[in-house]
Amino acid sequence: ETGVAYRAGMDSTPQTNSDVAYFGRLP
């Protein structure tokens, strides 16, 4: 919807102690 892509903190530079998650209910 916004076009923004999110990376996990451990996959970023500099690294951070964070993650991104998906949560949903689908067919």
PDB file of all heavy atoms in Angstrom:
ATOM      1  N   GLU A   1       0.822  -1.207   0.000  1.00  0.00           N
ATOM      2  CA  GLU A   1       0.000   0.000   0.000  1.00  0.00           C
ATOM      3  C   GLU A   1       0.859   1.262   0.000  1.00  0.00           C
ATOM      4  O   GLU A   1       0.473   2.291  -0.564  1.00  0.00           O
ATOM      5  CB  GLU A   1      -0.934   0.002   1.212  1.00  0.00           C
ATOM      6  CG  GLU A   1      -1.808  -1.240   1.339  1.00  0.00           C
ATOM      7  CD  GLU A   1      -2.822  -1.350   0.216  1.00  0.00           C
ATOM      8  OE1 GLU A   1      -3.192  -0.316  -0.359  1.00  0.00           O
ATOM      9  OE2 GLU A   1      -3.245  -2.491  -0.079  1.00  0.00           O
ATOM     10  N   THR A   2       2.021   1.194   0.654  1.00  0.00           N
ATOM     11  CA  THR A   2       2.910   2.359   0.734  1.00  0.00           C
ATOM     12  C   THR A   2       4.166   2.205  -0.113  1.00  0.00           C
ATOM     13  O   THR A   2       4.863   3.185  -0.378  1.00  0.00           O
ATOM     14  CB  THR A   2       3.342   2.604   2.190  1.00  0.00           C
ATOM     15  OG1 THR A   2       4.120   1.490   2.650  1.00  0.00           O
ATOM     16  CG2 THR A   2       2.131   2.787   3.092  1.00  0.00           C
ATOM     17  N   GLY A   3       4.471   0.980  -0.509  1.00  0.00           N
ATOM     18  CA  GLY A   3       5.690   0.714  -1.272  1.00  0.00           C
ATOM     19  C   GLY A   3       6.935   0.538  -0.426  1.00  0.00           C
ATOM     20  O   GLY A   3       8.017   0.301  -0.958  1.00  0.00           O
ATOM     21  N   VAL A   4       6.815   0.624   0.898  1.00  0.00           N
ATOM     22  CA  VAL A   4       7.979   0.541   1.779  1.00  0.00           C
ATOM     23  C   VAL A   4       8.321  -0.923   2.048  1.00  0.00           C
ATOM     24  O   VAL A   4       7.443  -1.731   2.355  1.00  0.00           O
ATOM     25  CB  VAL A   4       7.705   1.263   3.119  1.00  0.00           C
ATOM     26  CG1 VAL A   4       8.891   1.099   4.061  1.00  0.00           C
ATOM     27  CG2 VAL A   4       7.415   2.734   2.862  1.00  0.00           C
ATOM     28  N   ALA A   5       9.619  -1.255   1.926  1.00  0.00           N
ATOM     29  CA  ALA A   5      10.108  -2.591   2.268  1.00  0.00           C
ATOM     30  C   ALA A   5      10.851  -2.517   3.599  1.00  0.00           C
ATOM     31  O   ALA A   5      11.679  -1.626   3.817  1.00  0.00           O
ATOM     32  CB  ALA A   5      11.021  -3.119   1.174  1.00  0.00           C
ATOM     33  N   TYR A   6      10.559  -3.454   4.488  1.00  0.00           N
ATOM     34  CA  TYR A   6      11.147  -3.461   5.825  1.00  0.00           C
ATOM     35  C   TYR A   6      12.118  -4.629   5.957  1.00  0.00           C
ATOM     36  O   TYR A   6      11.814  -5.761   5.570  1.00  0.00           O
ATOM     37  CB  TYR A   6      10.056  -3.579   6.894  1.00  0.00           C
ATOM     38  CG  TYR A   6       9.109  -2.408   6.932  1.00  0.00           C
ATOM     39  CD1 TYR A   6       7.927  -2.418   6.195  1.00  0.00           C
ATOM     40  CD2 TYR A   6       9.396  -1.287   7.705  1.00  0.00           C
ATOM     41  CE1 TYR A   6       7.044  -1.335   6.236  1.00  0.00           C
ATOM     42  CE2 TYR A   6       8.515  -0.202   7.759  1.00  0.00           C
ATOM     43  CZ  TYR A   6       7.358  -0.243   7.019  1.00  0.00           C
ATOM     44  OH  TYR A   6       6.485   0.826   7.061  1.00  0.00           O
ATOM     45  N   ARG A   7      13.284  -4.332   6.554  1.00  0.00           N
ATOM     46  CA  ARG A   7      14.298  -5.354   6.799  1.00  0.00           C
ATOM     47  C   ARG A   7      14.394  -5.630   8.289  1.00  0.00           C
ATOM     48  O   ARG A   7      14.127  -4.750   9.112  1.00  0.00           O
ATOM     49  CB  ARG A   7      15.667  -4.872   6.309  1.00  0.00           C
ATOM     50  CG  ARG A   7      15.756  -4.648   4.822  1.00  0.00           C
ATOM     51  CD  ARG A   7      17.082  -3.993   4.455  1.00  0.00           C
ATOM     52  NE  ARG A   7      18.206  -4.891   4.619  1.00  0.00           N
ATOM     53  CZ  ARG A   7      18.910  -5.398   3.606  1.00  0.00           C
ATOM     54  NH1 ARG A   7      18.568  -5.109   2.356  1.00  0.00           N
ATOM     55  NH2 ARG A   7      19.934  -6.181   3.826  1.00  0.00           N
ATOM     56  N   ALA A   8      14.814  -6.835   8.608  1.00  0.00           N
ATOM     57  CA  ALA A   8      15.096  -7.169   9.996  1.00  0.00           C
ATOM     58  C   ALA A   8      16.351  -6.452  10.453  1.00  0.00           C
ATOM     59  O   ALA A   8      17.252  -6.164   9.650  1.00  0.00           O
ATOM     60  CB  ALA A   8      15.277  -8.677  10.143  1.00  0.00           C
ATOM     61  N   GLY A   9      16.419  -6.161  11.745  1.00  0.00           N
ATOM     62  CA  GLY A   9      17.565  -5.442  12.276  1.00  0.00           C
ATOM     63  C   GLY A   9      18.869  -6.170  12.076  1.00  0.00           C
ATOM     64  O   GLY A   9      19.908  -5.556  11.787  1.00  0.00           O
ATOM     65  N   MET A  10      18.852  -7.510  12.210  1.00  0.00           N
ATOM     66  CA  MET A  10      20.104  -8.248  12.053  1.00  0.00           C
ATOM     67  C   MET A  10      20.563  -8.297  10.604  1.00  0.00           C
ATOM     68  O   MET A  10      21.706  -8.649  10.322  1.00  0.00           O
ATOM     69  CB  MET A  10      19.954  -9.668  12.601  1.00  0.00           C
ATOM     70  CG  MET A  10      19.043 -10.578  11.825  1.00  0.00           C
ATOM     71  SD  MET A  10      19.058 -12.286  12.473  1.00  0.00           S
ATOM     72  CE  MET A  10      18.291 -12.055  14.078  1.00  0.00           C
ATOM     73  N   ASP A  11      19.675  -7.922   9.651  1.00  0.00           N
ATOM     74  CA  ASP A  11      20.037  -7.884   8.238  1.00  0.00           C
ATOM     75  C   ASP A  11      20.338  -6.470   7.761  1.00  0.00           C
ATOM     76  O   ASP A  11      20.482  -6.235   6.560  1.00  0.00           O
ATOM     77  CB  ASP A  11      18.898  -8.464   7.390  1.00  0.00           C
ATOM     78  CG  ASP A  11      18.555  -9.886   7.768  1.00  0.00           C
ATOM     79  OD1 ASP A  11      19.482 -10.639   8.117  1.00  0.00           O
ATOM     80  OD2 ASP A  11      17.362 -10.244   7.714  1.00  0.00           O
ATOM     81  N   SER A  12      20.395  -5.529   8.712  1.00  0.00           N
ATOM     82  CA  SER A  12      20.602  -4.119   8.374  1.00  0.00           C
ATOM     83  C   SER A  12      22.003  -3.667   8.777  1.00  0.00           C
ATOM     84  O   SER A  12      22.719  -4.366   9.493  1.00  0.00           O
ATOM     85  CB  SER A  12      19.553  -3.250   9.095  1.00  0.00           C
ATOM     86  OG  SER A  12      18.245  -3.658   8.769  1.00  0.00           O
ATOM     87  N   THR A  13      22.377  -2.497   8.291  1.00  0.00           N
ATOM     88  CA  THR A  13      23.656  -1.876   8.660  1.00  0.00           C
ATOM     89  C   THR A  13      23.391  -0.464   9.160  1.00  0.00           C
ATOM     90  O   THR A  13      22.857   0.358   8.408  1.00  0.00           O
ATOM     91  CB  THR A  13      24.619  -1.817   7.464  1.00  0.00           C
ATOM     92  OG1 THR A  13      24.783  -3.161   6.958  1.00  0.00           O
ATOM     93  CG2 THR A  13      25.969  -1.280   7.883  1.00  0.00           C
ATOM     94  N   PRO A  14      23.728  -0.159  10.442  1.00  0.00           N
ATOM     95  CA  PRO A  14      24.249  -1.091  11.444  1.00  0.00           C
ATOM     96  C   PRO A  14      23.160  -2.039  11.930  1.00  0.00           C
ATOM     97  O   PRO A  14      21.976  -1.747  11.804  1.00  0.00           O
ATOM     98  CB  PRO A  14      24.700  -0.160  12.558  1.00  0.00           C
ATOM     99  CG  PRO A  14      23.777   1.015  12.446  1.00  0.00           C
ATOM    100  CD  PRO A  14      23.541   1.209  10.975  1.00  0.00           C
ATOM    101  N   GLN A  15      23.577  -3.159  12.509  1.00  0.00           N
ATOM    102  CA  GLN A  15      22.615  -4.131  13.004  1.00  0.00           C
ATOM    103  C   GLN A  15      21.905  -3.609  14.255  1.00  0.00           C
ATOM    104  O   GLN A  15      22.489  -2.884  15.046  1.00  0.00           O
ATOM    105  CB  GLN A  15      23.315  -5.453  13.330  1.00  0.00           C
ATOM    106  CG  GLN A  15      23.794  -6.204  12.097  1.00  0.00           C
ATOM    107  CD  GLN A  15      24.293  -7.595  12.453  1.00  0.00           C
ATOM    108  OE1 GLN A  15      24.511  -7.920  13.612  1.00  0.00           O
ATOM    109  NE2 GLN A  15      24.473  -8.423  11.433  1.00  0.00           N
ATOM    110  N   THR A  16      20.645  -3.995  14.402  1.00  0.00           N
ATOM    111  CA  THR A  16      19.872  -3.663  15.604  1.00  0.00           C
ATOM    112  C   THR A  16      19.168  -4.926  16.095  1.00  0.00           C
ATOM    113  O   THR A  16      19.008  -5.894  15.347  1.00  0.00           O
ATOM    114  CB  THR A  16      18.816  -2.582  15.312  1.00  0.00           C
ATOM    115  OG1 THR A  16      17.898  -3.066  14.315  1.00  0.00           O
ATOM    116  CG2 THR A  16      19.465  -1.295  14.821  1.00  0.00           C
ATOM    117  N   ASN A  17      18.755  -4.887  17.330  1.00  0.00           N
ATOM    118  CA  ASN A  17      18.049  -6.023  17.925  1.00  0.00           C
ATOM    119  C   ASN A  17      16.547  -5.875  17.666  1.00  0.00           C
ATOM    120  O   ASN A  17      15.749  -5.634  18.573  1.00  0.00           O
ATOM    121  CB  ASN A  17      18.329  -6.100  19.425  1.00  0.00           C
ATOM    122  CG  ASN A  17      19.800  -6.259  19.719  1.00  0.00           C
ATOM    123  OD1 ASN A  17      20.497  -7.031  19.073  1.00  0.00           O
ATOM    124  ND2 ASN A  17      20.287  -5.504  20.697  1.00  0.00           N
ATOM    125  N   SER A  18      16.178  -6.011  16.420  1.00  0.00           N
ATOM    126  CA  SER A  18      14.773  -5.857  16.039  1.00  0.00           C
ATOM    127  C   SER A  18      14.465  -6.764  14.860  1.00  0.00           C
ATOM    128  O   SER A  18      15.352  -7.180  14.119  1.00  0.00           O
ATOM    129  CB  SER A  18      14.461  -4.398  15.662  1.00  0.00           C
ATOM    130  OG  SER A  18      15.166  -4.030  14.493  1.00  0.00           O
ATOM    131  N   ASP A  19      13.195  -7.076  14.720  1.00  0.00           N
ATOM    132  CA  ASP A  19      12.736  -7.894  13.605  1.00  0.00           C
ATOM    133  C   ASP A  19      11.411  -7.340  13.114  1.00  0.00           C
ATOM    134  O   ASP A  19      10.746  -6.549  13.806  1.00  0.00           O
ATOM    135  CB  ASP A  19      12.572  -9.349  14.046  1.00  0.00           C
ATOM    136  CG  ASP A  19      12.458 -10.310  12.864  1.00  0.00           C
ATOM    137  OD1 ASP A  19      12.847  -9.930  11.742  1.00  0.00           O
ATOM    138  OD2 ASP A  19      11.971 -11.447  13.066  1.00  0.00           O
ATOM    139  N   VAL A  20      11.032  -7.736  11.915  1.00  0.00           N
ATOM    140  CA  VAL A  20       9.749  -7.356  11.335  1.00  0.00           C
ATOM    141  C   VAL A  20       8.969  -8.638  11.089  1.00  0.00           C
ATOM    142  O   VAL A  20       9.530  -9.650  10.655  1.00  0.00           O
ATOM    143  CB  VAL A  20       9.935  -6.572  10.026  1.00  0.00           C
ATOM    144  CG1 VAL A  20       8.582  -6.188   9.433  1.00  0.00           C
ATOM    145  CG2 VAL A  20      10.773  -5.334  10.275  1.00  0.00           C
ATOM    146  N   ALA A  21       7.675  -8.608  11.375  1.00  0.00           N
ATOM    147  CA  ALA A  21       6.863  -9.818  11.293  1.00  0.00           C
ATOM    148  C   ALA A  21       5.576  -9.568  10.524  1.00  0.00           C
ATOM    149  O   ALA A  21       5.064  -8.446  10.461  1.00  0.00           O
ATOM    150  CB  ALA A  21       6.539 -10.338  12.693  1.00  0.00           C
ATOM    151  N   TYR A  22       5.079 -10.649   9.975  1.00  0.00           N
ATOM    152  CA  TYR A  22       3.792 -10.674   9.276  1.00  0.00           C
ATOM    153  C   TYR A  22       2.753 -11.335  10.184  1.00  0.00           C
ATOM    154  O   TYR A  22       3.043 -12.334  10.853  1.00  0.00           O
ATOM    155  CB  TYR A  22       3.914 -11.475   7.979  1.00  0.00           C
ATOM    156  CG  TYR A  22       2.599 -11.637   7.249  1.00  0.00           C
ATOM    157  CD1 TYR A  22       2.253 -10.749   6.235  1.00  0.00           C
ATOM    158  CD2 TYR A  22       1.717 -12.673   7.561  1.00  0.00           C
ATOM    159  CE1 TYR A  22       1.043 -10.888   5.557  1.00  0.00           C
ATOM    160  CE2 TYR A  22       0.505 -12.812   6.898  1.00  0.00           C
ATOM    161  CZ  TYR A  22       0.180 -11.913   5.898  1.00  0.00           C
ATOM    162  OH  TYR A  22      -1.009 -12.044   5.244  1.00  0.00           O
ATOM    163  N   PHE A  23       1.535 -10.808  10.153  1.00  0.00           N
ATOM    164  CA  PHE A  23       0.436 -11.360  10.947  1.00  0.00           C
ATOM    165  C   PHE A  23      -0.835 -11.190  10.150  1.00  0.00           C
ATOM    166  O   PHE A  23      -1.198 -10.069   9.774  1.00  0.00           O
ATOM    167  CB  PHE A  23       0.364 -10.620  12.277  1.00  0.00           C
ATOM    168  CG  PHE A  23      -0.722 -11.059  13.210  1.00  0.00           C
ATOM    169  CD1 PHE A  23      -1.205 -12.357  13.219  1.00  0.00           C
ATOM    170  CD2 PHE A  23      -1.270 -10.160  14.123  1.00  0.00           C
ATOM    171  CE1 PHE A  23      -2.195 -12.757  14.096  1.00  0.00           C
ATOM    172  CE2 PHE A  23      -2.254 -10.544  15.013  1.00  0.00           C
ATOM    173  CZ  PHE A  23      -2.719 -11.848  14.992  1.00  0.00           C
ATOM    174  N   GLY A  24      -1.515 -12.296   9.845  1.00  0.00           N
ATOM    175  CA  GLY A  24      -2.726 -12.154   9.051  1.00  0.00           C
ATOM    176  C   GLY A  24      -3.612 -13.385   9.080  1.00  0.00           C
ATOM    177  O   GLY A  24      -3.228 -14.453   9.559  1.00  0.00           O
ATOM    178  N   ARG A  25      -4.812 -13.212   8.559  1.00  0.00           N
ATOM    179  CA  ARG A  25      -5.758 -14.306   8.384  1.00  0.00           C
ATOM    180  C   ARG A  25      -6.168 -14.305   6.913  1.00  0.00           C
ATOM    181  O   ARG A  25      -6.706 -13.310   6.416  1.00  0.00           O
ATOM    182  CB  ARG A  25      -6.974 -14.139   9.300  1.00  0.00           C
ATOM    183  CG  ARG A  25      -7.911 -15.346   9.305  1.00  0.00           C
ATOM    184  CD  ARG A  25      -9.175 -15.100  10.111  1.00  0.00           C
ATOM    185  NE  ARG A  25      -8.918 -15.016  11.540  1.00  0.00           N
ATOM    186  CZ  ARG A  25      -9.164 -13.949  12.288  1.00  0.00           C
ATOM    187  NH1 ARG A  25      -9.655 -12.847  11.714  1.00  0.00           N
ATOM    188  NH2 ARG A  25      -8.914 -13.951  13.571  1.00  0.00           N
ATOM    189  N   LEU A  26      -5.898 -15.411   6.223  1.00  0.00           N
ATOM    190  CA  LEU A  26      -6.053 -15.482   4.775  1.00  0.00           C
ATOM    191  C   LEU A  26      -6.841 -16.724   4.378  1.00  0.00           C
ATOM    192  O   LEU A  26      -7.003 -17.649   5.176  1.00  0.00           O
ATOM    193  CB  LEU A  26      -4.670 -15.518   4.115  1.00  0.00           C
ATOM    194  CG  LEU A  26      -3.762 -14.306   4.357  1.00  0.00           C
ATOM    195  CD1 LEU A  26      -2.340 -14.619   3.915  1.00  0.00           C
ATOM    196  CD2 LEU A  26      -4.299 -13.082   3.622  1.00  0.00           C
ATOM    197  N   PRO A  27      -7.317 -16.773   3.123  1.00  0.00           N
ATOM    198  CA  PRO A  27      -8.034 -17.974   2.671  1.00  0.00           C
ATOM    199  C   PRO A  27      -7.135 -19.203   2.656  1.00  0.00           C
ATOM    200  O   PRO A  27      -5.953 -19.133   2.331  1.00  0.00           O
ATOM    201  CB  PRO A  27      -8.476 -17.598   1.250  1.00  0.00           C
ATOM    202  CG  PRO A  27      -8.491 -16.104   1.225  1.00  0.00           C
ATOM    203  CD  PRO A  27      -7.370 -15.682   2.124  1.00  0.00           C
TER     204      PRO A  27
END
